[in-house]
Amino acid sequence: MTPKQLIAHVAVHFDLTPADLTGASRMRHIVLARQAAAWVLRKAATISLEEIGRLLGGRDHTTIIYSLGQIEQRMAADPYFAAELHSLLPQRPLAAPPHTRPDHAMRWWVAQSRDSYFVRAA
């Protein structure tokens, strides 16, 4: 999901519009949704605090840091809220681990550990 899609997803969850999250309102329910959007963006997207602030209406990165702290505190105090926010994160399919070839040192170690290498006591 793109950052704008994440913002829209959070807005729908909180029964708001994306414009509410990017606006200047300081109403408590909008501020909470905006802070939740900042947390979701930080966890789901690989973008900087400055970029998150820009996406949420041109806010300063320090405001985003404060928002993340507030959300983390509320999540620690309220496990239901934490579960609600975790449900907003996009679900990524589990990727199969890449097939890796052992490097030279690993091949040497495997060769040394073969049964023929060890002297067997009779």
C-alpha atoms as a PDB file:
ATOM      1  CA  MET A   1       0.000   0.000   0.000  1.00  0.00           C
ATOM      2  CA  THR A   2       1.147   3.507  -0.678  1.00  0.00           C
ATOM      3  CA  PRO A   3       1.363   6.042   2.170  1.00  0.00           C
ATOM      4  CA  LYS A   4      -1.715   7.889   0.872  1.00  0.00           C
ATOM      5  CA  GLN A   5      -3.662   4.635   0.780  1.00  0.00           C
ATOM      6  CA  LEU A   6      -2.587   3.932   4.372  1.00  0.00           C
ATOM      7  CA  ILE A   7      -3.824   7.374   5.439  1.00  0.00           C
ATOM      8  CA  ALA A   8      -7.155   6.735   3.692  1.00  0.00           C
ATOM      9  CA  HIS A   9      -7.401   3.313   5.362  1.00  0.00           C
ATOM     10  CA  VAL A  10      -6.840   4.801   8.831  1.00  0.00           C
ATOM     11  CA  ALA A  11      -9.299   7.614   8.102  1.00  0.00           C
ATOM     12  CA  VAL A  12     -12.034   5.148   7.119  1.00  0.00           C
ATOM     13  CA  HIS A  13     -11.372   3.105  10.258  1.00  0.00           C
ATOM     14  CA  PHE A  14     -11.867   6.182  12.447  1.00  0.00           C
ATOM     15  CA  ASP A  15     -14.918   7.353  10.402  1.00  0.00           C
ATOM     16  CA  LEU A  16     -13.057  10.382   9.060  1.00  0.00           C
ATOM     17  CA  THR A  17     -11.853  11.599   5.700  1.00  0.00           C
ATOM     18  CA  PRO A  18      -8.201  11.820   4.659  1.00  0.00           C
ATOM     19  CA  ALA A  19      -8.685  15.601   4.601  1.00  0.00           C
ATOM     20  CA  ASP A  20      -9.525  15.457   8.326  1.00  0.00           C
ATOM     21  CA  LEU A  21      -6.206  13.751   9.036  1.00  0.00           C
ATOM     22  CA  THR A  22      -4.221  16.243   7.004  1.00  0.00           C
ATOM     23  CA  GLY A  23      -6.140  19.278   8.239  1.00  0.00           C
ATOM     24  CA  ALA A  24      -5.408  21.661  11.087  1.00  0.00           C
ATOM     25  CA  SER A  25      -8.131  20.485  13.471  1.00  0.00           C
ATOM     26  CA  ARG A  26      -7.125  19.790  17.069  1.00  0.00           C
ATOM     27  CA  MET A  27     -10.323  17.988  18.032  1.00  0.00           C
ATOM     28  CA  ARG A  28      -9.406  15.040  20.237  1.00  0.00           C
ATOM     29  CA  HIS A  29     -10.834  12.271  18.030  1.00  0.00           C
ATOM     30  CA  ILE A  30      -9.116  13.700  14.949  1.00  0.00           C
ATOM     31  CA  VAL A  31      -5.803  14.115  16.761  1.00  0.00           C
ATOM     32  CA  LEU A  32      -5.979  10.492  17.935  1.00  0.00           C
ATOM     33  CA  ALA A  33      -6.667   9.295  14.385  1.00  0.00           C
ATOM     34  CA  ARG A  34      -3.829  11.454  13.053  1.00  0.00           C
ATOM     35  CA  GLN A  35      -1.434  10.013  15.639  1.00  0.00           C
ATOM     36  CA  ALA A  36      -2.587   6.508  14.731  1.00  0.00           C
ATOM     37  CA  ALA A  37      -1.946   7.296  11.061  1.00  0.00           C
ATOM     38  CA  ALA A  38       1.575   8.455  11.928  1.00  0.00           C
ATOM     39  CA  TRP A  39       2.181   5.189  13.803  1.00  0.00           C
ATOM     40  CA  VAL A  40       0.830   3.066  10.938  1.00  0.00           C
ATOM     41  CA  LEU A  41       2.946   4.983   8.420  1.00  0.00           C
ATOM     42  CA  ARG A  42       6.051   4.568  10.566  1.00  0.00           C
ATOM     43  CA  LYS A  43       5.506   0.816  10.944  1.00  0.00           C
ATOM     44  CA  ALA A  44       4.310  -0.018   7.435  1.00  0.00           C
ATOM     45  CA  ALA A  45       6.195   2.371   5.174  1.00  0.00           C
ATOM     46  CA  THR A  46       9.903   2.997   4.921  1.00  0.00           C
ATOM     47  CA  ILE A  47       9.667   6.770   4.941  1.00  0.00           C
ATOM     48  CA  SER A  48      11.260   9.399   7.146  1.00  0.00           C
ATOM     49  CA  LEU A  49       9.611  11.338   9.947  1.00  0.00           C
ATOM     50  CA  GLU A  50       9.785  14.463   7.797  1.00  0.00           C
ATOM     51  CA  GLU A  51       7.909  12.687   5.001  1.00  0.00           C
ATOM     52  CA  ILE A  52       5.256  11.424   7.437  1.00  0.00           C
ATOM     53  CA  GLY A  53       4.829  14.987   8.691  1.00  0.00           C
ATOM     54  CA  ARG A  54       4.499  16.287   5.157  1.00  0.00           C
ATOM     55  CA  LEU A  55       1.865  13.655   4.325  1.00  0.00           C
ATOM     56  CA  LEU A  56      -0.113  14.537   7.448  1.00  0.00           C
ATOM     57  CA  GLY A  57      -0.563  18.181   6.611  1.00  0.00           C
ATOM     58  CA  GLY A  58       2.929  19.656   6.730  1.00  0.00           C
ATOM     59  CA  ARG A  59       3.663  18.866  10.369  1.00  0.00           C
ATOM     60  CA  ASP A  60       7.139  19.064  11.812  1.00  0.00           C
ATOM     61  CA  HIS A  61       9.092  15.867  12.414  1.00  0.00           C
ATOM     62  CA  THR A  62       9.161  16.619  16.148  1.00  0.00           C
ATOM     63  CA  THR A  63       5.359  16.611  16.159  1.00  0.00           C
ATOM     64  CA  ILE A  64       5.482  13.157  14.591  1.00  0.00           C
ATOM     65  CA  ILE A  65       7.959  11.984  17.253  1.00  0.00           C
ATOM     66  CA  TYR A  66       5.574  13.249  19.949  1.00  0.00           C
ATOM     67  CA  SER A  67       2.632  11.536  18.227  1.00  0.00           C
ATOM     68  CA  LEU A  68       4.459   8.225  18.078  1.00  0.00           C
ATOM     69  CA  GLY A  69       5.291   8.476  21.778  1.00  0.00           C
ATOM     70  CA  GLN A  70       1.678   9.204  22.666  1.00  0.00           C
ATOM     71  CA  ILE A  71       0.435   6.256  20.645  1.00  0.00           C
ATOM     72  CA  GLU A  72       3.038   3.910  22.152  1.00  0.00           C
ATOM     73  CA  GLN A  73       1.975   4.977  25.665  1.00  0.00           C
ATOM     74  CA  ARG A  74      -1.685   4.426  24.894  1.00  0.00           C
ATOM     75  CA  MET A  75      -0.946   1.050  23.314  1.00  0.00           C
ATOM     76  CA  ALA A  76       0.991  -0.011  26.424  1.00  0.00           C
ATOM     77  CA  ALA A  77      -1.930   0.983  28.650  1.00  0.00           C
ATOM     78  CA  ASP A  78      -4.729  -0.376  26.444  1.00  0.00           C
ATOM     79  CA  PRO A  79      -4.171  -3.769  24.761  1.00  0.00           C
ATOM     80  CA  TYR A  80      -7.467  -3.472  22.841  1.00  0.00           C
ATOM     81  CA  PHE A  81      -6.290  -0.224  21.271  1.00  0.00           C
ATOM     82  CA  ALA A  82      -2.963  -1.872  20.444  1.00  0.00           C
ATOM     83  CA  ALA A  83      -4.758  -4.754  18.729  1.00  0.00           C
ATOM     84  CA  GLU A  84      -6.936  -2.274  16.840  1.00  0.00           C
ATOM     85  CA  LEU A  85      -3.887  -0.425  15.516  1.00  0.00           C
ATOM     86  CA  HIS A  86      -2.077  -3.631  14.611  1.00  0.00           C
ATOM     87  CA  SER A  87      -5.120  -4.631  12.582  1.00  0.00           C
ATOM     88  CA  LEU A  88      -4.633  -1.461  10.508  1.00  0.00           C
ATOM     89  CA  LEU A  89      -1.185  -2.561   9.368  1.00  0.00           C
ATOM     90  CA  PRO A  90      -1.204  -4.062   5.881  1.00  0.00           C
ATOM     91  CA  GLN A  91      -0.890  -7.825   5.886  1.00  0.00           C
ATOM     92  CA  ARG A  92       2.129  -8.931   3.945  1.00  0.00           C
ATOM     93  CA  PRO A  93       2.309 -12.476   2.609  1.00  0.00           C
ATOM     94  CA  LEU A  94       5.092 -14.533   4.082  1.00  0.00           C
ATOM     95  CA  ALA A  95       7.913 -14.787   1.610  1.00  0.00           C
ATOM     96  CA  ALA A  96       9.789 -18.020   1.184  1.00  0.00           C
ATOM     97  CA  PRO A  97      13.390 -17.699   2.343  1.00  0.00           C
ATOM     98  CA  PRO A  98      15.789 -17.345  -0.546  1.00  0.00           C
ATOM     99  CA  HIS A  99      17.746 -20.438  -1.454  1.00  0.00           C
ATOM    100  CA  THR A 100      21.272 -19.792  -0.311  1.00  0.00           C
ATOM    101  CA  ARG A 101      24.425 -21.527  -1.320  1.00  0.00           C
ATOM    102  CA  PRO A 102      26.941 -22.217   1.414  1.00  0.00           C
ATOM    103  CA  ASP A 103      30.009 -20.105   1.108  1.00  0.00           C
ATOM    104  CA  HIS A 104      33.561 -21.424   0.894  1.00  0.00           C
ATOM    105  CA  ALA A 105      34.117 -21.610   4.671  1.00  0.00           C
ATOM    106  CA  MET A 106      30.865 -23.500   5.150  1.00  0.00           C
ATOM    107  CA  ARG A 107      31.792 -26.007   2.448  1.00  0.00           C
ATOM    108  CA  TRP A 108      35.168 -26.551   4.144  1.00  0.00           C
ATOM    109  CA  TRP A 109      33.513 -27.089   7.516  1.00  0.00           C
ATOM    110  CA  VAL A 110      31.037 -29.594   6.042  1.00  0.00           C
ATOM    111  CA  ALA A 111      33.870 -31.448   4.328  1.00  0.00           C
ATOM    112  CA  GLN A 112      35.825 -31.629   7.596  1.00  0.00           C
ATOM    113  CA  SER A 113      32.866 -32.878   9.593  1.00  0.00           C
ATOM    114  CA  ARG A 114      32.208 -35.949   7.446  1.00  0.00           C
ATOM    115  CA  ASP A 115      32.390 -39.308   9.168  1.00  0.00           C
ATOM    116  CA  SER A 116      35.546 -40.288   7.276  1.00  0.00           C
ATOM    117  CA  TYR A 117      37.394 -37.367   8.866  1.00  0.00           C
ATOM    118  CA  PHE A 118      36.957 -38.588  12.428  1.00  0.00           C
ATOM    119  CA  VAL A 119      38.944 -41.499  13.819  1.00  0.00           C
ATOM    120  CA  ARG A 120      36.592 -44.082  15.238  1.00  0.00           C
ATOM    121  CA  ALA A 121      37.481 -45.802  18.470  1.00  0.00           C
ATOM    122  CA  ALA A 122      37.132 -49.564  18.249  1.00  0.00           C
END
